[in-house]
């Protein structure tokens, strides 16, 4: 039997809150802790694709006064379909980004996340780094897509309409968004309690 179609493709694991805390604790003990935490949190708290995170520039996140923007605008090739998309910055992500940006000596137009060689990440390299961070924390089945799935599943669990989630995720089709949502026991329990 061939594994054709998305239904047979193994999806990235959606982390529990405790697992995310373990990843963040493991990151804190390693080199590049601030950068790696920022990458993980952009994935989890904004649902950004790894390719979108990799090409962010500091000017995409900071306004002219050096404050974190209300929205991150991903232009051109940043979005999966080549078009621009707007990523709202919630208060938790704002705090994470403020903490990260405070570690910089100078503020100028540079990549937001930089490799140890002080260059911009490629999507492939950042994907590898994120997968290594999850593995380092002992989280099996997690990948660079885990944060995005966590974001989308959390919105669904909170009762956000799928059409809104679709827009926040930058999907063109609602069926794509539905495939990202992890249905779990808590979600099913909340559904029946709503009756």
N, C-alpha and C. Protein backbone atom coordinates (compact mmCIF):
# COMPACT_ATOMS: atom_id res chain seq x y z
N UNK A 1 0.85 -1.19 0.00
CA UNK A 1 0.00 0.00 0.00
C UNK A 1 0.89 1.23 0.00
N UNK A 2 0.66 2.15 -0.90
CA UNK A 2 1.47 3.36 -0.97
C UNK A 2 0.98 4.39 0.05
N UNK A 3 1.87 5.22 0.45
CA UNK A 3 1.53 6.27 1.40
C UNK A 3 1.24 7.57 0.68
N UNK A 4 0.29 7.55 -0.21
CA UNK A 4 -0.05 8.77 -0.94
C UNK A 4 -1.07 9.58 -0.16
N UNK A 5 -0.96 10.87 -0.31
CA UNK A 5 -1.92 11.76 0.33
C UNK A 5 -1.47 12.16 1.73
N UNK A 6 -1.99 13.29 2.18
CA UNK A 6 -1.62 13.83 3.48
C UNK A 6 -2.11 12.98 4.64
N UNK A 7 -3.17 12.23 4.45
CA UNK A 7 -3.75 11.49 5.55
C UNK A 7 -2.79 10.44 6.11
N UNK A 8 -1.85 9.97 5.31
CA UNK A 8 -0.92 8.95 5.75
C UNK A 8 0.41 9.53 6.24
N UNK A 9 0.63 10.80 6.02
CA UNK A 9 1.88 11.44 6.39
C UNK A 9 1.93 11.64 7.90
N UNK A 10 3.02 11.25 8.52
CA UNK A 10 3.19 11.43 9.96
C UNK A 10 3.36 12.91 10.27
N UNK A 11 2.56 13.40 11.19
CA UNK A 11 2.62 14.81 11.53
C UNK A 11 3.54 15.04 12.71
N UNK A 12 4.06 16.25 12.78
CA UNK A 12 4.91 16.64 13.90
C UNK A 12 4.12 16.58 15.20
N UNK A 13 4.79 16.19 16.24
CA UNK A 13 4.17 16.07 17.55
C UNK A 13 3.79 17.45 18.09
N UNK A 14 2.62 17.53 18.72
CA UNK A 14 2.20 18.74 19.40
C UNK A 14 2.60 18.59 20.87
N UNK A 15 3.41 19.50 21.36
CA UNK A 15 3.93 19.41 22.71
C UNK A 15 2.89 19.81 23.75
N UNK A 16 2.97 19.17 24.93
CA UNK A 16 2.18 19.61 26.08
C UNK A 16 2.88 20.83 26.68
N UNK A 17 2.23 21.51 27.59
CA UNK A 17 2.85 22.66 28.25
C UNK A 17 4.11 22.23 28.99
N UNK A 18 4.06 21.07 29.63
CA UNK A 18 5.21 20.57 30.37
C UNK A 18 6.38 20.26 29.43
N UNK A 19 6.09 19.70 28.27
CA UNK A 19 7.15 19.41 27.30
C UNK A 19 7.77 20.69 26.76
N UNK A 20 6.94 21.70 26.50
CA UNK A 20 7.48 22.98 26.04
C UNK A 20 8.37 23.58 27.12
N UNK A 21 7.96 23.49 28.38
CA UNK A 21 8.79 23.98 29.47
C UNK A 21 10.12 23.24 29.52
N UNK A 22 10.10 21.93 29.26
CA UNK A 22 11.34 21.13 29.24
C UNK A 22 12.27 21.60 28.12
N UNK A 23 11.70 21.88 26.96
CA UNK A 23 12.50 22.37 25.84
C UNK A 23 13.13 23.71 26.20
N UNK A 24 12.35 24.61 26.77
CA UNK A 24 12.87 25.93 27.12
C UNK A 24 13.94 25.84 28.21
N UNK A 25 13.76 24.93 29.16
CA UNK A 25 14.77 24.72 30.21
C UNK A 25 16.06 24.17 29.61
N UNK A 26 15.94 23.24 28.67
CA UNK A 26 17.12 22.67 28.02
C UNK A 26 17.85 23.73 27.20
N UNK A 27 17.10 24.57 26.53
CA UNK A 27 17.69 25.65 25.73
C UNK A 27 18.48 26.59 26.63
N UNK A 28 17.95 26.91 27.80
CA UNK A 28 18.58 27.86 28.72
C UNK A 28 19.98 27.41 29.15
N UNK A 29 20.24 26.11 29.08
CA UNK A 29 21.52 25.56 29.53
C UNK A 29 22.57 25.50 28.41
N UNK A 30 22.22 25.89 27.20
CA UNK A 30 23.11 25.71 26.04
C UNK A 30 23.54 27.05 25.45
N UNK A 31 24.51 26.95 24.53
CA UNK A 31 24.94 28.12 23.78
C UNK A 31 23.78 28.64 22.93
N UNK A 32 23.81 29.91 22.64
CA UNK A 32 22.80 30.57 21.79
C UNK A 32 21.39 30.46 22.39
N UNK A 33 21.31 30.47 23.71
CA UNK A 33 20.02 30.28 24.40
C UNK A 33 18.99 31.32 23.99
N UNK A 34 19.39 32.59 23.94
CA UNK A 34 18.42 33.65 23.61
C UNK A 34 17.88 33.48 22.19
N UNK A 35 18.78 33.25 21.26
CA UNK A 35 18.37 33.07 19.86
C UNK A 35 17.47 31.85 19.70
N UNK A 36 17.86 30.73 20.31
CA UNK A 36 17.09 29.49 20.15
C UNK A 36 15.71 29.60 20.81
N UNK A 37 15.65 30.26 21.94
CA UNK A 37 14.36 30.46 22.60
C UNK A 37 13.46 31.33 21.72
N UNK A 38 14.03 32.39 21.13
CA UNK A 38 13.23 33.25 20.25
C UNK A 38 12.68 32.46 19.07
N UNK A 39 13.48 31.60 18.48
CA UNK A 39 13.03 30.79 17.34
C UNK A 39 11.88 29.87 17.75
N UNK A 40 12.04 29.20 18.89
CA UNK A 40 10.99 28.29 19.38
C UNK A 40 9.71 29.07 19.67
N UNK A 41 9.83 30.23 20.28
CA UNK A 41 8.64 30.99 20.65
C UNK A 41 7.95 31.63 19.44
N UNK A 42 8.71 32.02 18.43
CA UNK A 42 8.07 32.51 17.20
C UNK A 42 7.24 31.40 16.56
N UNK A 43 7.73 30.19 16.64
CA UNK A 43 7.00 29.04 16.10
C UNK A 43 5.74 28.75 16.91
N UNK A 44 5.89 28.70 18.23
CA UNK A 44 4.76 28.34 19.10
C UNK A 44 3.75 29.47 19.32
N UNK A 45 4.22 30.68 19.49
CA UNK A 45 3.32 31.78 19.84
C UNK A 45 2.79 32.57 18.66
N UNK A 46 3.41 32.40 17.49
CA UNK A 46 2.92 33.09 16.29
C UNK A 46 2.54 32.11 15.19
N UNK A 47 2.89 30.83 15.37
CA UNK A 47 2.56 29.83 14.36
C UNK A 47 3.31 30.02 13.06
N UNK A 48 4.47 30.65 13.13
CA UNK A 48 5.22 30.93 11.90
C UNK A 48 5.91 29.68 11.38
N UNK A 49 5.98 29.60 10.07
CA UNK A 49 6.73 28.52 9.41
C UNK A 49 8.22 28.75 9.64
N UNK A 50 8.99 27.68 9.64
CA UNK A 50 10.43 27.80 9.86
C UNK A 50 11.09 28.69 8.80
N UNK A 51 10.63 28.61 7.56
CA UNK A 51 11.17 29.46 6.51
C UNK A 51 10.87 30.93 6.73
N UNK A 52 9.72 31.22 7.34
CA UNK A 52 9.35 32.59 7.66
C UNK A 52 10.23 33.14 8.78
N UNK A 53 10.47 32.31 9.78
CA UNK A 53 11.31 32.71 10.91
C UNK A 53 12.74 32.96 10.44
N UNK A 54 13.23 32.08 9.58
CA UNK A 54 14.62 32.15 9.12
C UNK A 54 14.94 33.47 8.41
N UNK A 55 13.99 34.01 7.67
CA UNK A 55 14.29 35.22 6.89
C UNK A 55 13.89 36.53 7.58
N UNK A 56 13.38 36.45 8.82
CA UNK A 56 13.02 37.67 9.52
C UNK A 56 14.24 38.56 9.71
N UNK A 57 13.99 39.84 9.56
CA UNK A 57 15.03 40.84 9.83
C UNK A 57 14.61 41.60 11.09
N UNK A 58 15.56 42.18 11.73
CA UNK A 58 15.27 42.95 12.94
C UNK A 58 14.24 44.04 12.65
N UNK A 59 14.33 44.66 11.48
CA UNK A 59 13.39 45.71 11.10
C UNK A 59 11.96 45.19 10.88
N UNK A 60 11.81 43.88 10.70
CA UNK A 60 10.47 43.30 10.58
C UNK A 60 9.78 43.25 11.93
N UNK A 61 10.59 43.25 12.99
CA UNK A 61 10.07 43.08 14.35
C UNK A 61 10.04 44.39 15.12
N UNK A 62 11.00 45.29 14.84
CA UNK A 62 11.08 46.57 15.54
C UNK A 62 10.56 47.71 14.67
N UNK A 63 9.84 48.64 15.31
CA UNK A 63 9.42 49.84 14.57
C UNK A 63 10.56 50.87 14.60
N UNK A 64 10.34 52.05 14.04
CA UNK A 64 11.39 53.07 13.94
C UNK A 64 11.86 53.57 15.31
N UNK A 65 11.02 53.40 16.33
CA UNK A 65 11.38 53.83 17.68
C UNK A 65 12.03 52.72 18.50
N UNK A 66 12.27 51.56 17.86
CA UNK A 66 12.92 50.45 18.55
C UNK A 66 11.98 49.62 19.41
N UNK A 67 10.68 49.78 19.21
CA UNK A 67 9.68 48.98 19.95
C UNK A 67 9.22 47.81 19.09
N UNK A 68 8.78 46.76 19.77
CA UNK A 68 8.25 45.58 19.06
C UNK A 68 6.98 45.99 18.34
N UNK A 69 6.88 45.65 17.08
CA UNK A 69 5.70 45.98 16.28
C UNK A 69 4.46 45.21 16.77
N UNK A 70 3.29 45.75 16.48
CA UNK A 70 2.03 45.07 16.78
C UNK A 70 1.83 43.86 15.88
N UNK A 71 2.35 43.96 14.65
CA UNK A 71 2.23 42.90 13.65
C UNK A 71 3.56 42.75 12.93
N UNK A 72 3.88 41.52 12.59
CA UNK A 72 5.02 41.24 11.74
C UNK A 72 4.47 41.02 10.35
N UNK A 73 4.93 41.80 9.39
CA UNK A 73 4.46 41.64 8.01
C UNK A 73 5.49 40.82 7.25
N UNK A 74 5.07 39.64 6.80
CA UNK A 74 5.93 38.77 6.01
C UNK A 74 5.66 39.09 4.55
N UNK A 75 6.67 39.57 3.87
CA UNK A 75 6.50 40.01 2.49
C UNK A 75 7.02 38.99 1.50
N UNK A 76 6.44 39.02 0.31
CA UNK A 76 6.93 38.24 -0.83
C UNK A 76 7.14 36.77 -0.53
N UNK A 77 8.35 36.31 -0.71
CA UNK A 77 8.67 34.90 -0.61
C UNK A 77 8.59 34.36 0.80
N UNK A 78 8.39 35.23 1.79
CA UNK A 78 8.31 34.75 3.18
C UNK A 78 7.14 33.81 3.38
N UNK A 79 5.98 34.16 2.82
CA UNK A 79 4.83 33.30 2.94
C UNK A 79 4.97 32.09 2.03
N UNK A 80 4.35 31.00 2.40
CA UNK A 80 4.49 29.77 1.64
C UNK A 80 4.01 29.93 0.20
N UNK A 81 2.99 30.74 0.01
CA UNK A 81 2.42 30.91 -1.32
C UNK A 81 2.96 32.16 -2.01
N UNK A 82 4.02 32.74 -1.45
CA UNK A 82 4.68 33.87 -2.10
C UNK A 82 4.04 35.22 -1.83
N UNK A 83 2.90 35.24 -1.19
CA UNK A 83 2.24 36.51 -0.92
C UNK A 83 2.51 36.98 0.49
N UNK A 84 2.23 38.26 0.75
CA UNK A 84 2.45 38.78 2.09
C UNK A 84 1.41 38.23 3.07
N UNK A 85 1.79 38.17 4.34
CA UNK A 85 0.82 37.84 5.38
C UNK A 85 1.20 38.58 6.64
N UNK A 86 0.21 38.88 7.45
CA UNK A 86 0.39 39.64 8.67
C UNK A 86 0.29 38.69 9.86
N UNK A 87 1.29 38.75 10.73
CA UNK A 87 1.33 37.90 11.92
C UNK A 87 1.18 38.80 13.14
N UNK A 88 0.02 38.74 13.82
CA UNK A 88 -0.15 39.54 15.03
C UNK A 88 0.82 39.10 16.13
N UNK A 89 1.30 40.05 16.91
CA UNK A 89 2.21 39.77 18.02
C UNK A 89 1.41 39.89 19.31
N UNK A 90 1.20 38.76 19.99
CA UNK A 90 0.47 38.79 21.25
C UNK A 90 1.39 39.24 22.39
N UNK A 91 0.83 39.48 23.57
CA UNK A 91 1.62 40.03 24.67
C UNK A 91 2.73 39.09 25.12
N UNK A 92 2.48 37.80 25.11
CA UNK A 92 3.53 36.85 25.52
C UNK A 92 4.70 36.86 24.53
N UNK A 93 4.40 36.87 23.24
CA UNK A 93 5.45 36.92 22.24
C UNK A 93 6.18 38.26 22.30
N UNK A 94 5.46 39.33 22.56
CA UNK A 94 6.07 40.66 22.69
C UNK A 94 7.14 40.62 23.79
N UNK A 95 6.81 40.03 24.93
CA UNK A 95 7.77 39.93 26.04
C UNK A 95 8.99 39.10 25.64
N UNK A 96 8.74 38.00 24.93
CA UNK A 96 9.85 37.15 24.47
C UNK A 96 10.77 37.92 23.53
N UNK A 97 10.18 38.65 22.60
CA UNK A 97 10.98 39.39 21.62
C UNK A 97 11.72 40.56 22.28
N UNK A 98 11.07 41.23 23.23
CA UNK A 98 11.73 42.32 23.95
C UNK A 98 12.96 41.78 24.70
N UNK A 99 12.80 40.64 25.34
CA UNK A 99 13.91 40.03 26.07
C UNK A 99 15.05 39.67 25.11
N UNK A 100 14.69 39.12 23.95
CA UNK A 100 15.70 38.72 22.98
C UNK A 100 16.43 39.94 22.39
N UNK A 101 15.68 40.93 21.95
CA UNK A 101 16.26 42.12 21.33
C UNK A 101 17.15 42.87 22.32
N UNK A 102 16.83 42.80 23.61
CA UNK A 102 17.65 43.47 24.62
C UNK A 102 19.05 42.88 24.71
N UNK A 103 19.26 41.69 24.16
CA UNK A 103 20.59 41.06 24.19
C UNK A 103 21.51 41.60 23.11
N UNK A 104 20.99 42.39 22.17
CA UNK A 104 21.80 42.93 21.08
C UNK A 104 22.57 44.15 21.55
N UNK A 105 23.78 44.31 21.05
CA UNK A 105 24.59 45.49 21.36
C UNK A 105 24.14 46.69 20.52
N UNK A 106 23.74 46.42 19.29
CA UNK A 106 23.33 47.50 18.40
C UNK A 106 22.06 47.07 17.67
N UNK A 107 21.28 48.06 17.32
CA UNK A 107 20.06 47.78 16.56
C UNK A 107 20.24 48.34 15.16
N UNK A 108 20.29 47.45 14.22
CA UNK A 108 20.40 47.85 12.82
C UNK A 108 19.73 46.78 11.98
N UNK A 109 19.64 47.02 10.71
CA UNK A 109 18.92 46.07 9.86
C UNK A 109 19.79 44.85 9.60
N UNK A 110 19.55 43.84 10.39
CA UNK A 110 20.28 42.58 10.31
C UNK A 110 19.27 41.46 10.44
N UNK A 111 19.66 40.23 10.14
CA UNK A 111 18.74 39.12 10.38
C UNK A 111 18.36 39.07 11.86
N UNK A 112 17.14 38.74 12.16
CA UNK A 112 16.71 38.63 13.55
C UNK A 112 17.46 37.50 14.24
N UNK A 113 17.54 36.36 13.57
CA UNK A 113 18.27 35.20 14.10
C UNK A 113 19.49 34.98 13.23
N UNK A 114 20.63 34.80 13.88
CA UNK A 114 21.86 34.60 13.12
C UNK A 114 22.55 33.31 13.55
N UNK A 115 23.19 32.67 12.58
CA UNK A 115 23.94 31.46 12.86
C UNK A 115 25.17 31.82 13.68
N UNK A 116 25.87 30.80 14.16
CA UNK A 116 27.09 31.08 14.93
C UNK A 116 28.17 31.72 14.06
N UNK A 117 28.03 31.62 12.73
CA UNK A 117 28.96 32.29 11.82
C UNK A 117 28.51 33.71 11.49
N UNK A 118 27.44 34.17 12.21
CA UNK A 118 26.92 35.53 12.06
C UNK A 118 26.29 35.78 10.69
N UNK A 119 25.68 34.75 10.12
CA UNK A 119 24.96 34.87 8.86
C UNK A 119 23.49 34.55 9.09
N UNK A 120 22.68 34.88 8.11
CA UNK A 120 21.25 34.57 8.18
C UNK A 120 21.05 33.07 8.04
N UNK A 121 20.08 32.54 8.78
CA UNK A 121 19.74 31.13 8.66
C UNK A 121 19.08 30.85 7.31
N UNK A 122 19.31 29.66 6.79
CA UNK A 122 18.47 29.15 5.72
C UNK A 122 17.34 28.40 6.41
N UNK A 123 16.25 28.18 5.71
CA UNK A 123 15.14 27.43 6.29
C UNK A 123 15.60 26.03 6.70
N UNK A 124 16.41 25.41 5.87
CA UNK A 124 16.88 24.05 6.14
C UNK A 124 17.73 23.99 7.40
N UNK A 125 18.63 24.95 7.55
CA UNK A 125 19.50 24.96 8.73
C UNK A 125 18.70 25.22 9.99
N UNK A 126 17.76 26.17 9.95
CA UNK A 126 16.93 26.45 11.13
C UNK A 126 16.05 25.26 11.46
N UNK A 127 15.56 24.58 10.44
CA UNK A 127 14.77 23.36 10.64
C UNK A 127 15.59 22.33 11.42
N UNK A 128 16.84 22.16 11.04
CA UNK A 128 17.73 21.22 11.72
C UNK A 128 17.95 21.65 13.16
N UNK A 129 18.19 22.94 13.39
CA UNK A 129 18.42 23.45 14.74
C UNK A 129 17.21 23.18 15.62
N UNK A 130 16.02 23.48 15.13
CA UNK A 130 14.80 23.27 15.93
C UNK A 130 14.61 21.80 16.27
N UNK A 131 14.82 20.94 15.30
CA UNK A 131 14.69 19.50 15.55
C UNK A 131 15.71 19.04 16.58
N UNK A 132 16.92 19.58 16.51
CA UNK A 132 17.95 19.23 17.50
C UNK A 132 17.58 19.72 18.89
N UNK A 133 16.95 20.88 19.00
CA UNK A 133 16.54 21.40 20.30
C UNK A 133 15.49 20.49 20.95
N UNK A 134 14.53 20.03 20.15
CA UNK A 134 13.52 19.11 20.70
C UNK A 134 14.17 17.80 21.12
N UNK A 135 15.06 17.28 20.29
CA UNK A 135 15.74 16.02 20.61
C UNK A 135 16.59 16.17 21.86
N UNK A 136 17.28 17.28 22.00
CA UNK A 136 18.12 17.55 23.16
C UNK A 136 17.28 17.53 24.45
N UNK A 137 16.03 17.96 24.35
CA UNK A 137 15.13 17.97 25.50
C UNK A 137 14.44 16.63 25.71
N UNK A 138 14.74 15.66 24.83
CA UNK A 138 14.16 14.33 24.97
C UNK A 138 12.74 14.21 24.47
N UNK A 139 12.34 15.09 23.57
CA UNK A 139 10.97 15.06 23.03
C UNK A 139 10.99 14.29 21.71
N UNK A 140 10.48 13.08 21.71
CA UNK A 140 10.43 12.26 20.50
C UNK A 140 9.29 12.71 19.59
N UNK A 141 9.53 12.67 18.30
CA UNK A 141 8.49 12.96 17.32
C UNK A 141 8.26 14.44 17.06
N UNK A 142 9.02 15.30 17.73
CA UNK A 142 8.87 16.74 17.52
C UNK A 142 9.80 17.18 16.38
N UNK A 143 9.36 18.19 15.66
CA UNK A 143 10.16 18.71 14.55
C UNK A 143 9.93 20.21 14.44
N UNK A 144 10.50 20.80 13.42
CA UNK A 144 10.34 22.24 13.21
C UNK A 144 8.88 22.64 13.00
N UNK A 145 8.03 21.69 12.73
CA UNK A 145 6.60 21.97 12.52
C UNK A 145 5.79 21.85 13.81
N UNK A 146 6.40 21.38 14.87
CA UNK A 146 5.67 21.16 16.13
C UNK A 146 5.10 22.44 16.71
N UNK A 147 5.87 23.52 16.66
CA UNK A 147 5.37 24.79 17.20
C UNK A 147 4.17 25.30 16.43
N UNK A 148 4.22 25.19 15.13
CA UNK A 148 3.11 25.64 14.27
C UNK A 148 1.85 24.82 14.56
N UNK A 149 2.02 23.51 14.72
CA UNK A 149 0.87 22.66 15.06
C UNK A 149 0.35 22.99 16.45
N UNK A 150 1.25 23.29 17.39
CA UNK A 150 0.86 23.67 18.76
C UNK A 150 0.00 24.92 18.71
N UNK A 151 0.46 25.93 17.96
CA UNK A 151 -0.25 27.20 17.82
C UNK A 151 -1.65 26.99 17.27
N UNK A 152 -1.75 26.26 16.17
CA UNK A 152 -3.04 26.04 15.51
C UNK A 152 -3.97 25.21 16.39
N UNK A 153 -3.43 24.17 17.02
CA UNK A 153 -4.25 23.32 17.89
C UNK A 153 -4.73 24.08 19.12
N UNK A 154 -3.87 24.95 19.67
CA UNK A 154 -4.27 25.75 20.84
C UNK A 154 -5.40 26.71 20.49
N UNK A 155 -5.32 27.31 19.32
CA UNK A 155 -6.40 28.20 18.91
C UNK A 155 -7.71 27.43 18.77
N UNK A 156 -7.64 26.25 18.19
CA UNK A 156 -8.85 25.42 18.04
C UNK A 156 -9.40 25.02 19.40
N UNK A 157 -8.54 24.64 20.32
CA UNK A 157 -8.94 24.24 21.66
C UNK A 157 -9.60 25.40 22.40
N UNK A 158 -9.16 26.62 22.08
CA UNK A 158 -9.72 27.82 22.72
C UNK A 158 -11.04 28.25 22.10
N UNK A 159 -11.48 27.54 21.05
CA UNK A 159 -12.76 27.85 20.43
C UNK A 159 -12.69 28.89 19.33
N UNK A 160 -11.50 29.22 18.87
CA UNK A 160 -11.36 30.18 17.77
C UNK A 160 -11.90 29.53 16.50
N UNK A 161 -12.77 30.22 15.76
CA UNK A 161 -13.32 29.63 14.53
C UNK A 161 -12.22 29.24 13.55
N UNK A 162 -12.43 28.15 12.86
CA UNK A 162 -11.43 27.61 11.93
C UNK A 162 -11.09 28.61 10.84
N UNK A 163 -12.03 29.42 10.42
CA UNK A 163 -11.73 30.41 9.38
C UNK A 163 -10.74 31.46 9.89
N UNK A 164 -10.82 31.82 11.17
CA UNK A 164 -9.88 32.77 11.75
C UNK A 164 -8.51 32.11 11.88
N UNK A 165 -8.49 30.85 12.33
CA UNK A 165 -7.23 30.11 12.44
C UNK A 165 -6.56 30.01 11.08
N UNK A 166 -7.35 29.76 10.06
CA UNK A 166 -6.82 29.66 8.69
C UNK A 166 -6.09 30.94 8.30
N UNK A 167 -6.68 32.08 8.63
CA UNK A 167 -6.06 33.37 8.30
C UNK A 167 -4.78 33.58 9.11
N UNK A 168 -4.82 33.25 10.40
CA UNK A 168 -3.64 33.42 11.25
C UNK A 168 -2.49 32.50 10.83
N UNK A 169 -2.84 31.33 10.31
CA UNK A 169 -1.82 30.36 9.88
C UNK A 169 -1.29 30.67 8.48
N UNK A 170 -1.99 31.51 7.75
CA UNK A 170 -1.56 31.83 6.39
C UNK A 170 -1.89 30.72 5.41
N UNK A 171 -2.95 29.97 5.70
CA UNK A 171 -3.38 28.90 4.79
C UNK A 171 -4.36 29.46 3.77
N UNK A 172 -4.35 28.87 2.59
CA UNK A 172 -5.31 29.27 1.54
C UNK A 172 -6.60 28.45 1.63
N UNK A 173 -6.50 27.26 2.21
CA UNK A 173 -7.67 26.37 2.25
C UNK A 173 -7.93 25.90 3.68
N UNK A 174 -9.19 25.90 4.05
CA UNK A 174 -9.57 25.49 5.41
C UNK A 174 -9.23 24.02 5.66
N UNK A 175 -9.22 23.21 4.63
CA UNK A 175 -8.88 21.79 4.80
C UNK A 175 -7.43 21.63 5.26
N UNK A 176 -6.56 22.51 4.83
CA UNK A 176 -5.16 22.47 5.29
C UNK A 176 -5.11 22.76 6.78
N UNK A 177 -5.83 23.78 7.21
CA UNK A 177 -5.86 24.14 8.63
C UNK A 177 -6.40 22.99 9.46
N UNK A 178 -7.44 22.34 8.98
CA UNK A 178 -8.04 21.24 9.73
C UNK A 178 -7.07 20.10 9.94
N UNK A 179 -6.18 19.87 8.99
CA UNK A 179 -5.19 18.78 9.14
C UNK A 179 -4.16 19.09 10.21
N UNK A 180 -3.96 20.35 10.52
CA UNK A 180 -2.99 20.75 11.54
C UNK A 180 -3.51 20.57 12.96
N UNK A 181 -4.81 20.60 13.11
CA UNK A 181 -5.41 20.58 14.44
C UNK A 181 -5.33 19.19 15.04
N UNK A 182 -4.70 19.13 16.21
CA UNK A 182 -4.62 17.86 16.93
C UNK A 182 -5.88 17.73 17.78
N UNK A 183 -6.66 16.71 17.53
CA UNK A 183 -7.84 16.44 18.33
C UNK A 183 -7.38 15.55 19.48
N UNK A 184 -7.62 16.01 20.72
CA UNK A 184 -7.20 15.23 21.88
C UNK A 184 -8.35 15.10 22.87
N UNK A 185 -8.10 14.40 23.95
CA UNK A 185 -9.15 14.14 24.94
C UNK A 185 -9.73 15.42 25.52
N UNK A 186 -8.87 16.40 25.81
CA UNK A 186 -9.35 17.65 26.37
C UNK A 186 -10.28 18.37 25.41
N UNK A 187 -9.93 18.38 24.14
CA UNK A 187 -10.77 19.03 23.14
C UNK A 187 -12.14 18.34 23.05
N UNK A 188 -12.15 17.01 23.05
CA UNK A 188 -13.42 16.27 22.97
C UNK A 188 -14.25 16.49 24.23
N UNK A 189 -13.59 16.54 25.40
CA UNK A 189 -14.33 16.77 26.65
C UNK A 189 -14.96 18.15 26.64
N UNK A 190 -14.23 19.17 26.21
CA UNK A 190 -14.79 20.52 26.15
C UNK A 190 -15.95 20.60 25.17
N UNK A 191 -15.84 19.87 24.07
CA UNK A 191 -16.91 19.88 23.06
C UNK A 191 -18.21 19.35 23.65
N UNK A 192 -18.15 18.24 24.36
CA UNK A 192 -19.39 17.66 24.90
C UNK A 192 -19.91 18.46 26.09
N UNK A 193 -19.01 19.13 26.82
CA UNK A 193 -19.44 19.96 27.94
C UNK A 193 -20.18 21.20 27.46
N UNK A 194 -19.93 21.59 26.21
CA UNK A 194 -20.59 22.77 25.66
C UNK A 194 -22.05 22.53 25.31
N UNK A 195 -22.48 21.27 25.32
CA UNK A 195 -23.87 20.94 24.96
C UNK A 195 -24.85 21.35 26.04
